[in-house]
Amino acid sequence: MTSDRAARQRRRLTATVTDLEALRQRALLVGVLLPGVDPSEAERSLAELALLADTAGSDPVASELVRRAAPDPAYFVGRGKADELAVLVATEDVDVVIFDNDLTPAQQRNLQRRFEVDVVDREALILDIFAQHATSREGMLQVELALLRYRLPRLRGLGRVLSQQGAGIGTRGPGETKLETDRRRILRRIAHLERELKQLGRTRDTQRKARRRRQVAQTALVGYTNAGKSTLLNRLTDAGVLTEDRLFSTLDSTVRRMALPDGRSVVVADTVGFVRRLPHHLVEAFRSTLEDVADSDLLVHLVDATDPDPEGQIAAVRTVLAEIGASRVPELLVFNKADAASRSDLGRLMRLHPDALVISARTGLGVPTLIEEIADRLRPVTSLVHLEVPYERGDVVAAAHRLGEVVVEKHDATATLLDVRLKAEDLPLFKDFVVA
């Protein structure tokens, strides 16, 4: 490590908040192009890695796209290329090397020794961003669980010389090593987090069941990170959710109620944004949160119309939706940021997806049409009926509250008058009490 880099790291430890902007880590980005991968796709992925690095607090100072027939087991890019990159690390005074590919624990350790700086892969970078941005208790627990699952296999193997103390002659070893203690502590913490998240998941499931009993339809906003989901939620519901022009500015799921033009109300859920190759550990950790998506009646799939590869965004989102079991949910494709996109780009997108809508969540352009489309898509879910129930049939009133959403409840001299939204399959139960 050079003296300049060591001095800068010492300053970073004692820097004020203002100083930190000037002391951001200098990052070298490395992508590996393997056979069967489209070069343009690899370049787009590397460009996205630069945005992720910026979000994590690093300044990309150089990038390398390496072509290889197969990953090198020891150095991933090969020993010769690793030596070249080591020179670049020293020349550019790099603090961290970020690979766009997944590294094995051995490859990461070997590269770190060769470069003499931190080496992380794409998964570790995204996990770090999530750790910085999670604010709710559930979000922080989910991120911690994903981080621990990622780090566990990266502890060094025990080796033949390590042992625990036994109970008899010839079985007494030197005792637990720090490695064994760390491994046991991590496993214990993972089990604890899984129990806590399971309990939170039960609470979330209870809330979903309550919404189903009230026959409240649910719409989930899904899409690539920074597609404008939080901005749209604020536009639809005045939710007041943080919005920034950065990747993963919000992670915690937000649920708000929205009134439709016909008087019905629906629940709108804003979900975590997706990226290409979203780490499996994160999908698993956020599964209980993402179940809100799979349990929805409609997905509003938001796409950034200004992105150079909107089709890649759409494919990445649909891959994650399939992984969490949400591919069966009806989808409404919506191209956002129409105020910033060119007419030619919007025209091309609409020719490819004629059933999609074009909006600007920032300016409100097209949002009324979107609300009407949501109302039309959800209209078959329930029907509004008027019931006149004699006072002696309190069981019918209770069933209406249990199976439907009671909008109005009045009383006259002989009966309870209800306006209630019911599913089509429940309407026959109340046919004797329906009035025009």
Protein backbone atom coordinates (compact mmCIF):
# COMPACT_ATOMS: atom_id res chain seq x y z
CA MET A 1 0.00 0.00 0.00
CA THR A 2 1.44 3.39 -0.95
CA SER A 3 2.06 6.03 1.69
CA ASP A 4 -0.41 8.39 -0.03
CA ARG A 5 -3.17 5.79 0.14
CA ALA A 6 -2.42 5.03 3.78
CA ALA A 7 -2.49 8.74 4.62
CA ARG A 8 -5.81 9.18 2.83
CA GLN A 9 -7.32 6.27 4.72
CA ARG A 10 -6.14 7.78 8.03
CA ARG A 11 -7.77 11.08 7.08
CA ARG A 12 -10.98 9.25 6.15
CA LEU A 13 -11.21 7.79 9.65
CA THR A 14 -11.12 11.26 11.23
CA ALA A 15 -12.95 13.21 8.51
CA THR A 16 -16.02 15.32 9.16
CA VAL A 17 -19.25 14.80 7.20
CA THR A 18 -18.29 17.64 4.85
CA ASP A 19 -14.83 16.19 4.27
CA LEU A 20 -16.16 12.73 3.37
CA GLU A 21 -17.29 13.85 -0.08
CA ALA A 22 -13.67 14.63 -0.91
CA LEU A 23 -12.42 11.36 0.61
CA ARG A 24 -14.61 8.89 -1.25
CA GLN A 25 -12.91 5.64 -2.18
CA ARG A 26 -11.26 5.45 -5.61
CA ALA A 27 -12.58 2.36 -7.39
CA LEU A 28 -11.34 0.25 -10.28
CA LEU A 29 -14.17 -1.59 -12.05
CA VAL A 30 -13.47 -4.94 -13.71
CA GLY A 31 -15.81 -6.95 -15.90
CA VAL A 32 -15.09 -10.30 -17.53
CA LEU A 33 -16.58 -11.15 -20.91
CA LEU A 34 -17.11 -14.91 -21.16
CA PRO A 35 -18.23 -16.92 -24.22
CA GLY A 36 -21.95 -16.64 -24.94
CA VAL A 37 -22.26 -13.17 -23.38
CA ASP A 38 -23.21 -10.28 -25.66
CA PRO A 39 -20.40 -7.68 -25.53
CA SER A 40 -22.90 -4.79 -25.51
CA GLU A 41 -24.71 -6.38 -22.57
CA ALA A 42 -21.40 -6.72 -20.70
CA GLU A 43 -20.64 -3.05 -21.34
CA ARG A 44 -24.08 -1.99 -20.09
CA SER A 45 -23.60 -4.11 -16.98
CA LEU A 46 -20.23 -2.47 -16.35
CA ALA A 47 -21.82 0.98 -16.77
CA GLU A 48 -24.48 0.00 -14.24
CA LEU A 49 -21.71 -1.17 -11.90
CA ALA A 50 -20.31 2.37 -12.02
CA LEU A 51 -23.68 3.74 -10.87
CA LEU A 52 -23.81 1.15 -8.08
CA ALA A 53 -20.29 2.09 -6.98
CA ASP A 54 -21.24 5.76 -6.90
CA THR A 55 -24.32 4.94 -4.80
CA ALA A 56 -22.12 2.97 -2.38
CA GLY A 57 -19.80 5.95 -1.92
CA SER A 58 -16.96 5.25 -4.35
CA ASP A 59 -15.65 7.18 -7.35
CA PRO A 60 -14.86 4.93 -10.35
CA VAL A 61 -11.52 6.11 -11.73
CA ALA A 62 -10.96 3.37 -14.31
CA SER A 63 -12.68 0.30 -15.78
CA GLU A 64 -11.47 -2.81 -17.57
CA LEU A 65 -13.47 -5.32 -19.63
CA VAL A 66 -11.44 -8.54 -19.84
CA ARG A 67 -12.14 -11.29 -22.38
CA ARG A 68 -11.61 -14.86 -21.22
CA ALA A 69 -12.57 -18.31 -22.49
CA ALA A 70 -13.23 -19.43 -18.90
CA PRO A 71 -12.72 -18.02 -15.37
CA ASP A 72 -9.32 -18.73 -13.83
CA PRO A 73 -9.83 -20.81 -10.64
CA ALA A 74 -7.23 -18.83 -8.67
CA TYR A 75 -7.45 -15.25 -9.97
CA PHE A 76 -10.63 -15.27 -12.11
CA VAL A 77 -8.95 -12.99 -14.72
CA GLY A 78 -5.75 -15.06 -14.82
CA ARG A 79 -2.42 -14.42 -13.12
CA GLY A 80 -1.00 -12.32 -15.98
CA LYS A 81 -4.04 -10.03 -16.15
CA ALA A 82 -4.06 -9.78 -12.37
CA ASP A 83 -0.47 -8.53 -12.51
CA GLU A 84 -1.48 -5.90 -15.10
CA LEU A 85 -4.39 -4.77 -12.94
CA ALA A 86 -2.12 -4.56 -9.90
CA VAL A 87 0.02 -2.03 -11.78
CA LEU A 88 -3.12 -0.05 -12.67
CA VAL A 89 -4.23 -0.15 -9.01
CA ALA A 90 -0.92 1.36 -7.93
CA THR A 91 -0.79 3.89 -10.77
CA GLU A 92 -4.34 5.19 -10.21
CA ASP A 93 -4.01 5.05 -6.40
CA VAL A 94 -7.08 2.78 -6.20
CA ASP A 95 -8.65 1.96 -2.83
CA VAL A 96 -11.04 -0.81 -3.89
CA VAL A 97 -11.38 -3.11 -6.92
CA ILE A 98 -14.96 -4.03 -7.80
CA PHE A 99 -15.68 -7.02 -10.05
CA ASP A 100 -18.89 -7.16 -12.06
CA ASN A 101 -18.86 -10.95 -11.69
CA ASP A 102 -19.26 -13.21 -8.68
CA LEU A 103 -15.95 -14.24 -7.12
CA THR A 104 -15.27 -17.37 -5.09
CA PRO A 105 -13.80 -16.84 -1.62
CA ALA A 106 -10.41 -18.14 -2.82
CA GLN A 107 -10.36 -15.84 -5.85
CA GLN A 108 -11.26 -12.86 -3.68
CA ARG A 109 -8.47 -13.62 -1.18
CA ASN A 110 -5.87 -14.16 -3.92
CA LEU A 111 -6.76 -10.93 -5.70
CA GLN A 112 -6.72 -8.99 -2.44
CA ARG A 113 -3.21 -10.22 -1.69
CA ARG A 114 -2.09 -9.33 -5.20
CA PHE A 115 -3.65 -5.85 -5.32
CA GLU A 116 -3.05 -5.00 -1.64
CA VAL A 117 -6.46 -3.28 -1.55
CA ASP A 118 -10.00 -4.43 -0.87
CA VAL A 119 -11.62 -6.58 -3.58
CA VAL A 120 -15.39 -7.01 -3.74
CA ASP A 121 -17.75 -8.51 -6.30
CA ARG A 122 -21.11 -7.27 -7.59
CA GLU A 123 -23.07 -9.13 -4.93
CA ALA A 124 -21.05 -7.64 -2.07
CA LEU A 125 -21.45 -4.16 -3.56
CA ILE A 126 -25.24 -4.43 -3.74
CA LEU A 127 -25.39 -5.86 -0.23
CA ASP A 128 -23.35 -2.89 1.00
CA ILE A 129 -25.77 -0.44 -0.64
CA PHE A 130 -28.73 -2.19 0.96
CA ALA A 131 -26.99 -2.05 4.35
CA GLN A 132 -26.56 1.73 3.96
CA HIS A 133 -30.15 2.44 2.92
CA ALA A 134 -32.31 0.12 5.05
CA THR A 135 -34.16 2.12 7.71
CA SER A 136 -37.05 0.02 9.04
CA ARG A 137 -36.43 -2.76 11.54
CA GLU A 138 -37.57 -5.43 9.08
CA GLY A 139 -35.39 -3.98 6.33
CA MET A 140 -32.31 -3.92 8.55
CA LEU A 141 -32.91 -7.50 9.70
CA GLN A 142 -33.34 -8.66 6.09
CA VAL A 143 -30.13 -6.97 4.98
CA GLU A 144 -28.16 -8.31 7.95
CA LEU A 145 -29.37 -11.83 7.21
CA ALA A 146 -28.30 -11.52 3.56
CA LEU A 147 -24.88 -10.18 4.58
CA LEU A 148 -24.27 -13.02 7.04
CA ARG A 149 -25.28 -15.65 4.49
CA TYR A 150 -22.86 -14.07 2.03
CA ARG A 151 -19.98 -13.88 4.51
CA LEU A 152 -20.33 -17.34 6.06
CA PRO A 153 -18.69 -19.32 3.20
CA ARG A 154 -16.00 -16.66 2.99
CA LEU A 155 -14.59 -17.59 6.37
CA ARG A 156 -11.48 -19.66 5.85
CA GLY A 157 -11.88 -23.45 5.94
CA LEU A 158 -11.11 -25.09 9.27
CA GLY A 159 -8.13 -27.11 8.04
CA ARG A 160 -6.79 -30.35 9.45
CA VAL A 161 -4.82 -28.70 12.28
CA LEU A 162 -7.87 -27.06 13.84
CA SER A 163 -9.88 -28.94 16.41
CA GLN A 164 -12.17 -28.54 19.38
CA GLN A 165 -11.48 -29.85 22.87
CA GLY A 166 -12.59 -33.45 23.33
CA ALA A 167 -13.46 -35.47 26.44
CA GLY A 168 -10.88 -38.25 26.39
CA ILE A 169 -7.21 -39.04 25.93
CA GLY A 170 -6.10 -38.26 22.42
CA THR A 171 -9.11 -36.09 21.73
CA ARG A 172 -8.01 -32.90 23.43
CA GLY A 173 -7.09 -30.31 20.82
CA PRO A 174 -5.99 -26.72 21.21
CA GLY A 175 -9.62 -25.61 21.68
CA GLU A 176 -11.82 -23.51 19.46
CA THR A 177 -10.03 -21.15 17.14
CA LYS A 178 -11.32 -17.65 16.48
CA LEU A 179 -12.49 -18.91 13.07
CA GLU A 180 -14.64 -21.60 14.67
CA THR A 181 -15.99 -19.12 17.20
CA ASP A 182 -16.87 -16.65 14.43
CA ARG A 183 -18.57 -19.36 12.39
CA ARG A 184 -20.63 -20.50 15.36
CA ARG A 185 -21.57 -16.92 16.23
CA ILE A 186 -22.68 -16.21 12.66
CA LEU A 187 -24.78 -19.38 12.50
CA ARG A 188 -26.41 -18.51 15.81
CA ARG A 189 -27.16 -14.98 14.60
CA ILE A 190 -28.60 -16.28 11.31
CA ALA A 191 -30.97 -18.58 13.22
CA HIS A 192 -32.04 -15.66 15.44
CA LEU A 193 -32.69 -13.38 12.45
CA GLU A 194 -34.67 -16.07 10.66
CA ARG A 195 -36.91 -16.46 13.73
CA GLU A 196 -37.48 -12.71 13.99
CA LEU A 197 -38.24 -12.37 10.29
CA LYS A 198 -40.61 -15.33 10.43
CA GLN A 199 -42.53 -13.56 13.21
CA LEU A 200 -42.64 -10.33 11.21
CA GLY A 201 -43.74 -12.37 8.20
CA ARG A 202 -46.66 -13.78 10.23
CA THR A 203 -47.69 -10.23 11.13
CA ARG A 204 -47.52 -9.21 7.47
CA ASP A 205 -49.54 -12.30 6.49
CA THR A 206 -52.21 -11.38 9.05
CA GLN A 207 -52.45 -7.91 7.51
CA ARG A 208 -52.81 -9.42 4.04
CA LYS A 209 -55.58 -11.76 5.23
CA ALA A 210 -57.41 -8.81 6.80
CA ARG A 211 -57.26 -6.94 3.48
CA ARG A 212 -58.58 -10.01 1.67
CA ARG A 213 -61.48 -10.32 4.13
CA ARG A 214 -62.35 -6.68 3.48
CA GLN A 215 -62.12 -7.38 -0.26
CA VAL A 216 -59.61 -4.55 -0.73
CA ALA A 217 -57.76 -5.01 -4.00
CA GLN A 218 -53.99 -4.54 -3.97
CA THR A 219 -51.71 -3.08 -6.62
CA ALA A 220 -47.92 -3.42 -6.37
CA LEU A 221 -45.49 -1.02 -8.03
CA VAL A 222 -42.57 -3.03 -9.40
CA GLY A 223 -39.69 -2.15 -11.62
CA TYR A 224 -36.00 -1.55 -12.04
CA THR A 225 -34.29 0.54 -9.40
CA ASN A 226 -34.58 4.29 -10.07
CA ALA A 227 -37.52 3.77 -12.46
CA GLY A 228 -39.60 6.22 -10.41
CA LYS A 229 -41.77 3.93 -8.25
CA SER A 230 -41.55 6.09 -5.12
CA THR A 231 -42.28 9.25 -7.13
CA LEU A 232 -45.36 7.56 -8.59
CA LEU A 233 -46.52 6.39 -5.15
CA ASN A 234 -46.23 9.96 -3.88
CA ARG A 235 -48.18 11.19 -6.91
CA LEU A 236 -50.96 8.61 -6.39
CA THR A 237 -51.29 8.70 -2.60
CA ASP A 238 -49.32 11.65 -1.13
CA ALA A 239 -47.23 9.05 0.69
CA GLY A 240 -44.26 11.37 1.29
CA VAL A 241 -41.70 8.65 0.44
CA LEU A 242 -38.07 9.72 -0.11
CA THR A 243 -37.21 10.18 -3.79
CA GLU A 244 -33.69 10.61 -5.17
CA ASP A 245 -32.08 10.20 -8.57
CA ARG A 246 -29.96 7.35 -7.24
CA LEU A 247 -30.10 3.56 -7.26
CA PHE A 248 -31.89 1.99 -4.28
CA SER A 249 -32.74 5.31 -2.59
CA THR A 250 -35.61 3.50 -0.83
CA LEU A 251 -35.66 -0.14 0.24
CA ASP A 252 -38.47 -0.46 2.75
CA SER A 253 -41.86 -1.49 1.44
CA THR A 254 -44.53 1.22 1.76
CA VAL A 255 -48.27 0.48 1.58
CA ARG A 256 -50.85 3.24 1.08
CA ARG A 257 -54.56 3.39 0.23
CA MET A 258 -55.67 5.09 -2.99
CA ALA A 259 -59.18 6.20 -3.97
CA LEU A 260 -60.37 5.26 -7.46
CA PRO A 261 -62.67 7.45 -9.59
CA ASP A 262 -65.66 5.13 -8.99
CA GLY A 263 -65.39 5.47 -5.21
CA ARG A 264 -63.58 2.21 -4.57
CA SER A 265 -60.29 2.15 -2.73
CA VAL A 266 -57.26 0.00 -3.44
CA VAL A 267 -54.02 -0.62 -1.60
CA VAL A 268 -50.85 0.44 -3.44
CA ALA A 269 -47.55 -1.15 -2.35
CA ASP A 270 -44.17 0.31 -3.31
CA THR A 271 -41.49 -2.40 -3.41
CA VAL A 272 -37.72 -2.57 -3.52
CA GLY A 273 -36.26 -1.94 -6.96
CA PHE A 274 -34.59 -4.68 -8.96
CA VAL A 275 -31.35 -4.81 -10.92
CA ARG A 276 -29.70 -7.28 -13.25
CA ARG A 277 -28.49 -10.32 -11.32
CA LEU A 278 -30.07 -9.28 -8.02
CA PRO A 279 -28.19 -11.33 -5.39
CA HIS A 280 -29.96 -14.55 -4.45
CA HIS A 281 -29.22 -13.88 -0.77
CA LEU A 282 -31.23 -10.65 -1.01
CA VAL A 283 -34.17 -12.28 -2.76
CA GLU A 284 -34.29 -14.91 -0.03
CA ALA A 285 -33.94 -12.39 2.80
CA PHE A 286 -36.60 -10.07 1.34
CA ARG A 287 -38.97 -12.94 0.47
CA SER A 288 -41.56 -12.04 3.13
CA THR A 289 -41.63 -8.45 1.88
CA LEU A 290 -41.79 -9.53 -1.76
CA GLU A 291 -44.74 -11.79 -0.97
CA ASP A 292 -46.80 -8.58 -1.07
CA VAL A 293 -46.03 -8.56 -4.80
CA ALA A 294 -47.02 -12.18 -5.37
CA ASP A 295 -50.24 -11.63 -3.39
CA SER A 296 -51.31 -8.57 -5.44
CA ASP A 297 -54.23 -8.38 -7.84
CA LEU A 298 -52.30 -6.22 -10.31
CA LEU A 299 -48.65 -5.33 -10.93
CA VAL A 300 -47.86 -1.87 -12.25
CA HIS A 301 -44.50 -2.53 -13.90
CA LEU A 302 -42.71 0.81 -14.18
CA VAL A 303 -39.94 1.18 -16.78
CA ASP A 304 -37.55 4.11 -17.23
CA ALA A 305 -38.22 5.29 -20.79
CA THR A 306 -34.92 7.21 -20.85
CA ASP A 307 -32.78 4.15 -20.11
CA PRO A 308 -30.64 3.00 -23.05
CA ASP A 309 -31.76 -0.60 -22.50
CA PRO A 310 -35.41 -0.66 -21.34
CA GLU A 311 -35.90 -4.19 -22.69
CA GLY A 312 -33.06 -5.37 -20.45
CA GLN A 313 -34.76 -3.71 -17.48
CA ILE A 314 -38.05 -5.42 -18.29
CA ALA A 315 -36.36 -8.83 -18.61
CA ALA A 316 -34.44 -8.39 -15.32
CA VAL A 317 -37.61 -7.47 -13.41
CA ARG A 318 -39.60 -10.35 -14.87
CA THR A 319 -36.81 -12.76 -13.91
CA VAL A 320 -37.11 -11.75 -10.25
CA LEU A 321 -40.91 -11.83 -10.42
CA ALA A 322 -40.75 -15.42 -11.65
CA GLU A 323 -38.33 -16.29 -8.83
CA ILE A 324 -40.75 -15.06 -6.14
CA GLY A 325 -43.82 -16.67 -7.74
CA ALA A 326 -45.38 -13.43 -9.02
CA SER A 327 -45.26 -14.13 -12.76
CA ARG A 328 -48.92 -15.24 -12.69
CA VAL A 329 -50.14 -11.82 -11.43
CA PRO A 330 -51.63 -9.60 -14.20
CA GLU A 331 -49.15 -6.93 -15.29
CA LEU A 332 -49.68 -3.38 -16.54
CA LEU A 333 -46.56 -2.10 -18.29
CA VAL A 334 -45.97 1.65 -17.80
CA PHE A 335 -43.15 3.70 -19.33
CA ASN A 336 -42.18 6.52 -16.96
CA LYS A 337 -40.16 9.76 -17.40
CA ALA A 338 -41.97 10.73 -20.60
CA ASP A 339 -41.01 14.35 -19.89
CA ALA A 340 -37.33 13.45 -20.36
CA ALA A 341 -37.55 10.80 -23.09
CA SER A 342 -37.35 11.60 -26.79
CA ARG A 343 -40.39 11.21 -29.04
CA SER A 344 -38.56 8.64 -31.15
CA ASP A 345 -37.74 6.49 -28.12
CA LEU A 346 -41.33 6.67 -26.85
CA GLY A 347 -42.67 5.81 -30.31
CA ARG A 348 -40.38 2.79 -30.59
CA LEU A 349 -41.38 1.54 -27.12
CA MET A 350 -45.08 1.89 -27.86
CA ARG A 351 -44.69 -0.01 -31.15
CA LEU A 352 -43.02 -2.85 -29.22
CA HIS A 353 -45.57 -2.72 -26.38
CA PRO A 354 -48.87 -1.33 -27.77
CA ASP A 355 -50.82 -2.12 -24.57
CA ALA A 356 -48.44 -0.13 -22.35
CA LEU A 357 -49.04 3.37 -20.97
CA VAL A 358 -46.71 6.38 -21.04
CA ILE A 359 -46.57 8.71 -18.04
CA SER A 360 -44.40 11.15 -16.15
CA ALA A 361 -44.68 10.56 -12.41
CA ARG A 362 -42.74 13.79 -11.81
CA THR A 363 -45.07 16.10 -13.79
CA GLY A 364 -48.28 14.07 -13.58
CA LEU A 365 -48.52 13.57 -17.36
CA GLY A 366 -50.66 10.50 -18.10
CA VAL A 367 -51.26 9.67 -14.43
CA PRO A 368 -55.09 10.16 -14.62
CA THR A 369 -55.17 7.68 -17.50
CA LEU A 370 -53.11 5.27 -15.41
CA ILE A 371 -55.55 5.56 -12.49
CA GLU A 372 -58.50 4.86 -14.81
CA GLU A 373 -56.68 1.83 -16.26
CA ILE A 374 -55.99 0.50 -12.75
CA ALA A 375 -59.68 0.91 -11.92
CA ASP A 376 -60.69 -0.94 -15.11
CA ARG A 377 -58.22 -3.78 -14.49
CA LEU A 378 -59.44 -4.25 -10.90
CA ARG A 379 -63.16 -3.84 -11.60
CA PRO A 380 -63.83 -7.59 -11.99
CA VAL A 381 -62.47 -8.22 -8.49
CA THR A 382 -65.59 -6.96 -6.66
CA SER A 383 -69.15 -5.79 -7.31
CA LEU A 384 -71.04 -3.16 -5.33
CA VAL A 385 -74.45 -4.43 -4.19
CA HIS A 386 -77.21 -2.95 -2.03
CA LEU A 387 -78.58 -5.19 0.69
CA GLU A 388 -81.67 -4.85 2.90
CA VAL A 389 -81.28 -7.22 5.83
CA PRO A 390 -84.04 -7.69 8.47
CA TYR A 391 -82.88 -7.03 12.02
CA GLU A 392 -83.43 -10.67 13.00
CA ARG A 393 -80.81 -11.73 10.44
CA GLY A 394 -77.77 -10.36 12.17
CA ASP A 395 -75.80 -13.31 10.84
CA VAL A 396 -76.18 -11.92 7.29
CA VAL A 397 -74.84 -8.51 8.35
CA ALA A 398 -71.89 -10.21 10.06
CA ALA A 399 -71.20 -12.25 6.91
CA ALA A 400 -71.26 -9.09 4.77
CA HIS A 401 -68.62 -7.53 7.02
CA ARG A 402 -66.56 -10.72 7.02
CA LEU A 403 -66.67 -11.48 3.29
CA GLY A 404 -66.92 -8.02 1.76
CA GLU A 405 -66.09 -4.35 2.16
CA VAL A 406 -69.03 -2.50 3.70
CA VAL A 407 -69.04 0.98 2.17
CA VAL A 408 -72.26 2.31 3.76
CA GLU A 409 -74.32 0.97 6.65
CA LYS A 410 -77.67 2.58 7.56
CA HIS A 411 -80.71 1.57 9.59
CA ASP A 412 -84.43 2.13 9.11
CA ALA A 413 -87.45 0.94 11.08
CA THR A 414 -87.26 -2.70 9.96
CA ALA A 415 -83.87 -3.48 8.42
CA THR A 416 -80.16 -2.75 8.09
CA LEU A 417 -79.29 -1.17 4.73
CA LEU A 418 -75.83 -2.01 3.38
CA ASP A 419 -73.77 -0.99 0.39
CA VAL A 420 -71.12 -3.70 0.20
CA ARG A 421 -68.48 -4.82 -2.27
CA LEU A 422 -68.47 -8.59 -2.79
CA LYS A 423 -66.57 -11.07 -4.90
CA ALA A 424 -68.57 -12.73 -7.66
CA GLU A 425 -68.38 -16.12 -5.92
CA ASP A 426 -69.91 -14.68 -2.73
CA LEU A 427 -72.88 -12.93 -4.38
CA PRO A 428 -75.19 -16.01 -4.31
CA LEU A 429 -74.99 -16.06 -0.50
CA PHE A 430 -76.77 -12.70 -0.34
CA LYS A 431 -79.18 -13.00 -3.31
CA ASP A 432 -82.30 -13.02 -1.04
CA PHE A 433 -81.36 -9.61 0.40
CA VAL A 434 -80.28 -7.72 -2.74
CA VAL A 435 -82.34 -4.66 -3.62
CA ALA A 436 -82.18 -2.49 -6.73
